Amino acid sequence: GGIGTYEGPILGAVLFFTIETLFGATGVTYLIGL
């Protein structure tokens, strides 16, 4: 999202949540992708 910015972590949380929702069920592949 952007370390040292206020908006960055909020954007990063939304992005991470979206990735987890779409690809979280893929298991190890999902963690490697992160």
PDB file of all heavy atoms in Angstrom:
ATOM      1  N   GLY A   1       0.806  -1.219   0.000  1.00  0.00           N
ATOM      2  CA  GLY A   1       0.000   0.000   0.000  1.00  0.00           C
ATOM      3  C   GLY A   1       0.838   1.267   0.000  1.00  0.00           C
ATOM      4  O   GLY A   1       0.527   2.228  -0.687  1.00  0.00           O
ATOM      5  N   GLY A   2       1.905   1.259   0.808  1.00  0.00           N
ATOM      6  CA  GLY A   2       2.757   2.451   0.896  1.00  0.00           C
ATOM      7  C   GLY A   2       3.141   2.739   2.334  1.00  0.00           C
ATOM      8  O   GLY A   2       2.374   3.376   3.063  1.00  0.00           O
ATOM      9  N   ILE A   3       4.312   2.243   2.746  1.00  0.00           N
ATOM     10  CA  ILE A   3       4.764   2.442   4.120  1.00  0.00           C
ATOM     11  C   ILE A   3       5.062   3.910   4.371  1.00  0.00           C
ATOM     12  O   ILE A   3       5.580   4.617   3.509  1.00  0.00           O
ATOM     13  CB  ILE A   3       6.004   1.561   4.404  1.00  0.00           C
ATOM     14  CG1 ILE A   3       6.376   1.611   5.892  1.00  0.00           C
ATOM     15  CG2 ILE A   3       7.185   1.978   3.545  1.00  0.00           C
ATOM     16  CD1 ILE A   3       7.412   0.589   6.294  1.00  0.00           C
ATOM     17  N   GLY A   4       4.698   4.378   5.541  1.00  0.00           N
ATOM     18  CA  GLY A   4       4.940   5.772   5.883  1.00  0.00           C
ATOM     19  C   GLY A   4       3.915   6.736   5.328  1.00  0.00           C
ATOM     20  O   GLY A   4       4.102   7.943   5.421  1.00  0.00           O
ATOM     21  N   THR A   5       2.839   6.223   4.751  1.00  0.00           N
ATOM     22  CA  THR A   5       1.714   7.068   4.334  1.00  0.00           C
ATOM     23  C   THR A   5       0.487   6.637   5.129  1.00  0.00           C
ATOM     24  O   THR A   5       0.425   5.514   5.624  1.00  0.00           O
ATOM     25  CB  THR A   5       1.416   6.924   2.832  1.00  0.00           C
ATOM     26  OG1 THR A   5       0.950   5.586   2.564  1.00  0.00           O
ATOM     27  CG2 THR A   5       2.666   7.182   2.008  1.00  0.00           C
ATOM     28  N   TYR A   6      -0.465   7.522   5.248  1.00  0.00           N
ATOM     29  CA  TYR A   6      -1.675   7.151   5.992  1.00  0.00           C
ATOM     30  C   TYR A   6      -2.635   6.354   5.115  1.00  0.00           C
ATOM     31  O   TYR A   6      -3.237   5.380   5.550  1.00  0.00           O
ATOM     32  CB  TYR A   6      -2.378   8.402   6.526  1.00  0.00           C
ATOM     33  CG  TYR A   6      -3.557   8.071   7.409  1.00  0.00           C
ATOM     34  CD1 TYR A   6      -3.369   7.768   8.749  1.00  0.00           C
ATOM     35  CD2 TYR A   6      -4.854   8.049   6.908  1.00  0.00           C
ATOM     36  CE1 TYR A   6      -4.446   7.444   9.571  1.00  0.00           C
ATOM     37  CE2 TYR A   6      -5.932   7.730   7.710  1.00  0.00           C
ATOM     38  CZ  TYR A   6      -5.721   7.431   9.051  1.00  0.00           C
ATOM     39  OH  TYR A   6      -6.797   7.096   9.846  1.00  0.00           O
ATOM     40  N   GLU A   7      -2.756   6.761   3.865  1.00  0.00           N
ATOM     41  CA  GLU A   7      -3.698   6.094   2.970  1.00  0.00           C
ATOM     42  C   GLU A   7      -3.203   4.710   2.537  1.00  0.00           C
ATOM     43  O   GLU A   7      -4.006   3.810   2.253  1.00  0.00           O
ATOM     44  CB  GLU A   7      -3.916   6.939   1.712  1.00  0.00           C
ATOM     45  CG  GLU A   7      -4.489   8.331   1.972  1.00  0.00           C
ATOM     46  CD  GLU A   7      -3.413   9.378   2.168  1.00  0.00           C
ATOM     47  OE1 GLU A   7      -2.265   8.999   2.481  1.00  0.00           O
ATOM     48  OE2 GLU A   7      -3.711  10.574   2.024  1.00  0.00           O
ATOM     49  N   GLY A   8      -1.873   4.526   2.488  1.00  0.00           N
ATOM     50  CA  GLY A   8      -1.295   3.293   1.969  1.00  0.00           C
ATOM     51  C   GLY A   8      -1.754   2.029   2.660  1.00  0.00           C
ATOM     52  O   GLY A   8      -2.192   1.074   1.999  1.00  0.00           O
ATOM     53  N   PRO A   9      -1.676   1.935   3.992  1.00  0.00           N
ATOM     54  CA  PRO A   9      -2.124   0.720   4.670  1.00  0.00           C
ATOM     55  C   PRO A   9      -3.600   0.403   4.434  1.00  0.00           C
ATOM     56  O   PRO A   9      -3.977  -0.775   4.361  1.00  0.00           O
ATOM     57  CB  PRO A   9      -1.856   1.023   6.140  1.00  0.00           C
ATOM     58  CG  PRO A   9      -0.779   2.038   6.123  1.00  0.00           C
ATOM     59  CD  PRO A   9      -1.028   2.877   4.915  1.00  0.00           C
ATOM     60  N   ILE A  10      -4.428   1.420   4.315  1.00  0.00           N
ATOM     61  CA  ILE A  10      -5.849   1.193   4.044  1.00  0.00           C
ATOM     62  C   ILE A  10      -6.007   0.570   2.664  1.00  0.00           C
ATOM     63  O   ILE A  10      -6.732  -0.422   2.484  1.00  0.00           O
ATOM     64  CB  ILE A  10      -6.632   2.514   4.135  1.00  0.00           C
ATOM     65  CG1 ILE A  10      -6.488   3.121   5.538  1.00  0.00           C
ATOM     66  CG2 ILE A  10      -8.103   2.291   3.790  1.00  0.00           C
ATOM     67  CD1 ILE A  10      -7.059   4.517   5.666  1.00  0.00           C
ATOM     68  N   LEU A  11      -5.310   1.131   1.684  1.00  0.00           N
ATOM     69  CA  LEU A  11      -5.334   0.578   0.338  1.00  0.00           C
ATOM     70  C   LEU A  11      -4.750  -0.832   0.329  1.00  0.00           C
ATOM     71  O   LEU A  11      -5.283  -1.740  -0.325  1.00  0.00           O
ATOM     72  CB  LEU A  11      -4.536   1.485  -0.602  1.00  0.00           C
ATOM     73  CG  LEU A  11      -4.407   1.037  -2.069  1.00  0.00           C
ATOM     74  CD1 LEU A  11      -5.779   0.915  -2.710  1.00  0.00           C
ATOM     75  CD2 LEU A  11      -3.521   2.007  -2.836  1.00  0.00           C
ATOM     76  N   GLY A  12      -3.653  -1.040   1.063  1.00  0.00           N
ATOM     77  CA  GLY A  12      -3.042  -2.362   1.132  1.00  0.00           C
ATOM     78  C   GLY A  12      -3.953  -3.394   1.763  1.00  0.00           C
ATOM     79  O   GLY A  12      -3.982  -4.555   1.324  1.00  0.00           O
ATOM     80  N   ALA A  13      -4.697  -3.003   2.791  1.00  0.00           N
ATOM     81  CA  ALA A  13      -5.628  -3.931   3.434  1.00  0.00           C
ATOM     82  C   ALA A  13      -6.734  -4.347   2.470  1.00  0.00           C
ATOM     83  O   ALA A  13      -7.116  -5.533   2.406  1.00  0.00           O
ATOM     84  CB  ALA A  13      -6.228  -3.294   4.687  1.00  0.00           C
ATOM     85  N   VAL A  14      -7.261  -3.388   1.717  1.00  0.00           N
ATOM     86  CA  VAL A  14      -8.309  -3.706   0.738  1.00  0.00           C
ATOM     87  C   VAL A  14      -7.755  -4.620  -0.352  1.00  0.00           C
ATOM     88  O   VAL A  14      -8.412  -5.597  -0.760  1.00  0.00           O
ATOM     89  CB  VAL A  14      -8.879  -2.405   0.128  1.00  0.00           C
ATOM     90  CG1 VAL A  14      -9.840  -2.725  -1.017  1.00  0.00           C
ATOM     91  CG2 VAL A  14      -9.581  -1.574   1.199  1.00  0.00           C
ATOM     92  N   LEU A  15      -6.542  -4.338  -0.813  1.00  0.00           N
ATOM     93  CA  LEU A  15      -5.928  -5.155  -1.858  1.00  0.00           C
ATOM     94  C   LEU A  15      -5.667  -6.572  -1.346  1.00  0.00           C
ATOM     95  O   LEU A  15      -5.954  -7.557  -2.036  1.00  0.00           O
ATOM     96  CB  LEU A  15      -4.629  -4.505  -2.330  1.00  0.00           C
ATOM     97  CG  LEU A  15      -3.863  -5.236  -3.434  1.00  0.00           C
ATOM     98  CD1 LEU A  15      -4.713  -5.345  -4.684  1.00  0.00           C
ATOM     99  CD2 LEU A  15      -2.550  -4.524  -3.737  1.00  0.00           C
ATOM    100  N   PHE A  16      -5.112  -6.696  -0.153  1.00  0.00           N
ATOM    101  CA  PHE A  16      -4.837  -8.008   0.416  1.00  0.00           C
ATOM    102  C   PHE A  16      -6.128  -8.796   0.619  1.00  0.00           C
ATOM    103  O   PHE A  16      -6.198  -9.996   0.331  1.00  0.00           O
ATOM    104  CB  PHE A  16      -4.099  -7.853   1.743  1.00  0.00           C
ATOM    105  CG  PHE A  16      -3.920  -9.146   2.485  1.00  0.00           C
ATOM    106  CD1 PHE A  16      -3.025 -10.103   2.027  1.00  0.00           C
ATOM    107  CD2 PHE A  16      -4.640  -9.416   3.629  1.00  0.00           C
ATOM    108  CE1 PHE A  16      -2.859 -11.302   2.698  1.00  0.00           C
ATOM    109  CE2 PHE A  16      -4.484 -10.608   4.307  1.00  0.00           C
ATOM    110  CZ  PHE A  16      -3.583 -11.557   3.843  1.00  0.00           C
ATOM    111  N   PHE A  17      -7.151  -8.121   1.119  1.00  0.00           N
ATOM    112  CA  PHE A  17      -8.453  -8.762   1.330  1.00  0.00           C
ATOM    113  C   PHE A  17      -9.015  -9.269   0.005  1.00  0.00           C
ATOM    114  O   PHE A  17      -9.558 -10.379  -0.068  1.00  0.00           O
ATOM    115  CB  PHE A  17      -9.407  -7.745   1.964  1.00  0.00           C
ATOM    116  CG  PHE A  17     -10.838  -8.204   2.041  1.00  0.00           C
ATOM    117  CD1 PHE A  17     -11.248  -9.086   3.012  1.00  0.00           C
ATOM    118  CD2 PHE A  17     -11.772  -7.726   1.138  1.00  0.00           C
ATOM    119  CE1 PHE A  17     -12.570  -9.503   3.094  1.00  0.00           C
ATOM    120  CE2 PHE A  17     -13.092  -8.130   1.203  1.00  0.00           C
ATOM    121  CZ  PHE A  17     -13.492  -9.022   2.190  1.00  0.00           C
ATOM    122  N   THR A  18      -8.878  -8.480  -1.048  1.00  0.00           N
ATOM    123  CA  THR A  18      -9.379  -8.890  -2.363  1.00  0.00           C
ATOM    124  C   THR A  18      -8.620 -10.106  -2.888  1.00  0.00           C
ATOM    125  O   THR A  18      -9.221 -11.063  -3.400  1.00  0.00           O
ATOM    126  CB  THR A  18      -9.252  -7.719  -3.363  1.00  0.00           C
ATOM    127  OG1 THR A  18      -9.963  -6.583  -2.855  1.00  0.00           O
ATOM    128  CG2 THR A  18      -9.829  -8.103  -4.713  1.00  0.00           C
ATOM    129  N   ILE A  19      -7.294 -10.076  -2.751  1.00  0.00           N
ATOM    130  CA  ILE A  19      -6.478 -11.204  -3.210  1.00  0.00           C
ATOM    131  C   ILE A  19      -6.826 -12.466  -2.438  1.00  0.00           C
ATOM    132  O   ILE A  19      -6.958 -13.554  -3.015  1.00  0.00           O
ATOM    133  CB  ILE A  19      -4.984 -10.871  -3.060  1.00  0.00           C
ATOM    134  CG1 ILE A  19      -4.592  -9.740  -4.008  1.00  0.00           C
ATOM    135  CG2 ILE A  19      -4.118 -12.099  -3.331  1.00  0.00           C
ATOM    136  CD1 ILE A  19      -3.181  -9.231  -3.809  1.00  0.00           C
ATOM    137  N   GLU A  20      -6.979 -12.330  -1.121  1.00  0.00           N
ATOM    138  CA  GLU A  20      -7.324 -13.492  -0.299  1.00  0.00           C
ATOM    139  C   GLU A  20      -8.685 -14.049  -0.679  1.00  0.00           C
ATOM    140  O   GLU A  20      -8.881 -15.268  -0.750  1.00  0.00           O
ATOM    141  CB  GLU A  20      -7.318 -13.110   1.178  1.00  0.00           C
ATOM    142  CG  GLU A  20      -7.591 -14.290   2.106  1.00  0.00           C
ATOM    143  CD  GLU A  20      -7.835 -13.847   3.518  1.00  0.00           C
ATOM    144  OE1 GLU A  20      -8.749 -13.020   3.734  1.00  0.00           O
ATOM    145  OE2 GLU A  20      -7.123 -14.332   4.409  1.00  0.00           O
ATOM    146  N   THR A  21      -9.643 -13.176  -0.944  1.00  0.00           N
ATOM    147  CA  THR A  21     -10.984 -13.622  -1.310  1.00  0.00           C
ATOM    148  C   THR A  21     -10.966 -14.383  -2.633  1.00  0.00           C
ATOM    149  O   THR A  21     -11.649 -15.399  -2.790  1.00  0.00           O
ATOM    150  CB  THR A  21     -11.931 -12.411  -1.414  1.00  0.00           C
ATOM    151  OG1 THR A  21     -11.975 -11.734  -0.145  1.00  0.00           O
ATOM    152  CG2 THR A  21     -13.334 -12.858  -1.794  1.00  0.00           C
ATOM    153  N   LEU A  22     -10.161 -13.910  -3.578  1.00  0.00           N
ATOM    154  CA  LEU A  22     -10.137 -14.526  -4.909  1.00  0.00           C
ATOM    155  C   LEU A  22      -9.258 -15.770  -4.968  1.00  0.00           C
ATOM    156  O   LEU A  22      -9.599 -16.739  -5.659  1.00  0.00           O
ATOM    157  CB  LEU A  22      -9.657 -13.504  -5.943  1.00  0.00           C
ATOM    158  CG  LEU A  22     -10.551 -12.279  -6.157  1.00  0.00           C
ATOM    159  CD1 LEU A  22      -9.905 -11.312  -7.126  1.00  0.00           C
ATOM    160  CD2 LEU A  22     -11.931 -12.696  -6.661  1.00  0.00           C
ATOM    161  N   PHE A  23      -8.132 -15.753  -4.239  1.00  0.00           N
ATOM    162  CA  PHE A  23      -7.143 -16.821  -4.417  1.00  0.00           C
ATOM    163  C   PHE A  23      -6.788 -17.565  -3.130  1.00  0.00           C
ATOM    164  O   PHE A  23      -5.924 -18.444  -3.157  1.00  0.00           O
ATOM    165  CB  PHE A  23      -5.849 -16.237  -5.013  1.00  0.00           C
ATOM    166  CG  PHE A  23      -6.063 -15.475  -6.291  1.00  0.00           C
ATOM    167  CD1 PHE A  23      -5.969 -14.095  -6.327  1.00  0.00           C
ATOM    168  CD2 PHE A  23      -6.373 -16.143  -7.468  1.00  0.00           C
ATOM    169  CE1 PHE A  23      -6.156 -13.385  -7.491  1.00  0.00           C
ATOM    170  CE2 PHE A  23      -6.581 -15.448  -8.652  1.00  0.00           C
ATOM    171  CZ  PHE A  23      -6.467 -14.065  -8.666  1.00  0.00           C
ATOM    172  N   GLY A  24      -7.427 -17.214  -2.014  1.00  0.00           N
ATOM    173  CA  GLY A  24      -7.075 -17.828  -0.744  1.00  0.00           C
ATOM    174  C   GLY A  24      -7.249 -19.333  -0.717  1.00  0.00           C
ATOM    175  O   GLY A  24      -6.544 -20.047   0.007  1.00  0.00           O
ATOM    176  N   ALA A  25      -8.174 -19.854  -1.503  1.00  0.00           N
ATOM    177  CA  ALA A  25      -8.446 -21.291  -1.492  1.00  0.00           C
ATOM    178  C   ALA A  25      -7.384 -22.100  -2.222  1.00  0.00           C
ATOM    179  O   ALA A  25      -7.405 -23.335  -2.185  1.00  0.00           O
ATOM    180  CB  ALA A  25      -9.822 -21.570  -2.119  1.00  0.00           C
ATOM    181  N   THR A  26      -6.430 -21.440  -2.874  1.00  0.00           N
ATOM    182  CA  THR A  26      -5.410 -22.181  -3.636  1.00  0.00           C
ATOM    183  C   THR A  26      -4.271 -22.684  -2.761  1.00  0.00           C
ATOM    184  O   THR A  26      -3.357 -23.344  -3.257  1.00  0.00           O
ATOM    185  CB  THR A  26      -4.830 -21.291  -4.751  1.00  0.00           C
ATOM    186  OG1 THR A  26      -4.228 -20.127  -4.161  1.00  0.00           O
ATOM    187  CG2 THR A  26      -5.914 -20.861  -5.717  1.00  0.00           C
ATOM    188  N   GLY A  27      -4.296 -22.360  -1.464  1.00  0.00           N
ATOM    189  CA  GLY A  27      -3.332 -22.914  -0.533  1.00  0.00           C
ATOM    190  C   GLY A  27      -1.936 -22.358  -0.683  1.00  0.00           C
ATOM    191  O   GLY A  27      -1.710 -21.143  -0.659  1.00  0.00           O
ATOM    192  N   VAL A  28      -0.968 -23.256  -0.866  1.00  0.00           N
ATOM    193  CA  VAL A  28       0.445 -22.861  -0.909  1.00  0.00           C
ATOM    194  C   VAL A  28       0.716 -21.893  -2.055  1.00  0.00           C
ATOM    195  O   VAL A  28       1.505 -20.953  -1.923  1.00  0.00           O
ATOM    196  CB  VAL A  28       1.342 -24.109  -1.039  1.00  0.00           C
ATOM    197  CG1 VAL A  28       2.805 -23.695  -1.162  1.00  0.00           C
ATOM    198  CG2 VAL A  28       1.144 -25.029   0.156  1.00  0.00           C
ATOM    199  N   THR A  29       0.056 -22.085  -3.177  1.00  0.00           N
ATOM    200  CA  THR A  29       0.247 -21.197  -4.328  1.00  0.00           C
ATOM    201  C   THR A  29      -0.092 -19.760  -3.961  1.00  0.00           C
ATOM    202  O   THR A  29       0.597 -18.808  -4.375  1.00  0.00           O
ATOM    203  CB  THR A  29      -0.619 -21.658  -5.501  1.00  0.00           C
ATOM    204  OG1 THR A  29      -0.317 -23.014  -5.807  1.00  0.00           O
ATOM    205  CG2 THR A  29      -0.388 -20.793  -6.724  1.00  0.00           C
ATOM    206  N   TYR A  30      -1.126 -19.589  -3.178  1.00  0.00           N
ATOM    207  CA  TYR A  30      -1.552 -18.261  -2.737  1.00  0.00           C
ATOM    208  C   TYR A  30      -0.459 -17.602  -1.890  1.00  0.00           C
ATOM    209  O   TYR A  30      -0.116 -16.428  -2.086  1.00  0.00           O
ATOM    210  CB  TYR A  30      -2.850 -18.403  -1.949  1.00  0.00           C
ATOM    211  CG  TYR A  30      -3.162 -17.299  -0.983  1.00  0.00           C
ATOM    212  CD1 TYR A  30      -3.518 -16.040  -1.433  1.00  0.00           C
ATOM    213  CD2 TYR A  30      -3.121 -17.526   0.396  1.00  0.00           C
ATOM    214  CE1 TYR A  30      -3.820 -15.021  -0.533  1.00  0.00           C
ATOM    215  CE2 TYR A  30      -3.424 -16.531   1.297  1.00  0.00           C
ATOM    216  CZ  TYR A  30      -3.768 -15.287   0.830  1.00  0.00           C
ATOM    217  OH  TYR A  30      -4.058 -14.287   1.722  1.00  0.00           O
ATOM    218  N   LEU A  31       0.147 -18.351  -0.961  1.00  0.00           N
ATOM    219  CA  LEU A  31       1.194 -17.806  -0.101  1.00  0.00           C
ATOM    220  C   LEU A  31       2.447 -17.460  -0.905  1.00  0.00           C
ATOM    221  O   LEU A  31       3.088 -16.430  -0.671  1.00  0.00           O
ATOM    222  CB  LEU A  31       1.534 -18.809   1.004  1.00  0.00           C
ATOM    223  CG  LEU A  31       0.394 -19.116   1.989  1.00  0.00           C
ATOM    224  CD1 LEU A  31       0.832 -20.188   2.976  1.00  0.00           C
ATOM    225  CD2 LEU A  31      -0.034 -17.854   2.732  1.00  0.00           C
ATOM    226  N   ILE A  32       2.784 -18.324  -1.861  1.00  0.00           N
ATOM    227  CA  ILE A  32       3.940 -18.037  -2.721  1.00  0.00           C
ATOM    228  C   ILE A  32       3.695 -16.767  -3.526  1.00  0.00           C
ATOM    229  O   ILE A  32       4.585 -15.924  -3.691  1.00  0.00           O
ATOM    230  CB  ILE A  32       4.222 -19.229  -3.651  1.00  0.00           C
ATOM    231  CG1 ILE A  32       4.675 -20.446  -2.831  1.00  0.00           C
ATOM    232  CG2 ILE A  32       5.277 -18.872  -4.697  1.00  0.00           C
ATOM    233  CD1 ILE A  32       4.832 -21.705  -3.637  1.00  0.00           C
ATOM    234  N   GLY A  33       2.474 -16.618  -4.020  1.00  0.00           N
ATOM    235  CA  GLY A  33       2.123 -15.425  -4.784  1.00  0.00           C
ATOM    236  C   GLY A  33       2.224 -14.160  -3.949  1.00  0.00           C
ATOM    237  O   GLY A  33       2.711 -13.128  -4.428  1.00  0.00           O
ATOM    238  N   LEU A  34       1.803 -14.233  -2.673  1.00  0.00           N
ATOM    239  CA  LEU A  34       1.925 -13.077  -1.798  1.00  0.00           C
ATOM    240  C   LEU A  34       3.391 -12.701  -1.592  1.00  0.00           C
ATOM    241  O   LEU A  34       3.759 -11.520  -1.656  1.00  0.00           O
ATOM    242  CB  LEU A  34       1.275 -13.375  -0.438  1.00  0.00           C
ATOM    243  CG  LEU A  34      -0.252 -13.365  -0.357  1.00  0.00           C
ATOM    244  CD1 LEU A  34      -0.691 -13.660   1.065  1.00  0.00           C
ATOM    245  CD2 LEU A  34      -0.823 -12.030  -0.809  1.00  0.00           C
TER     246      LEU A  34
END
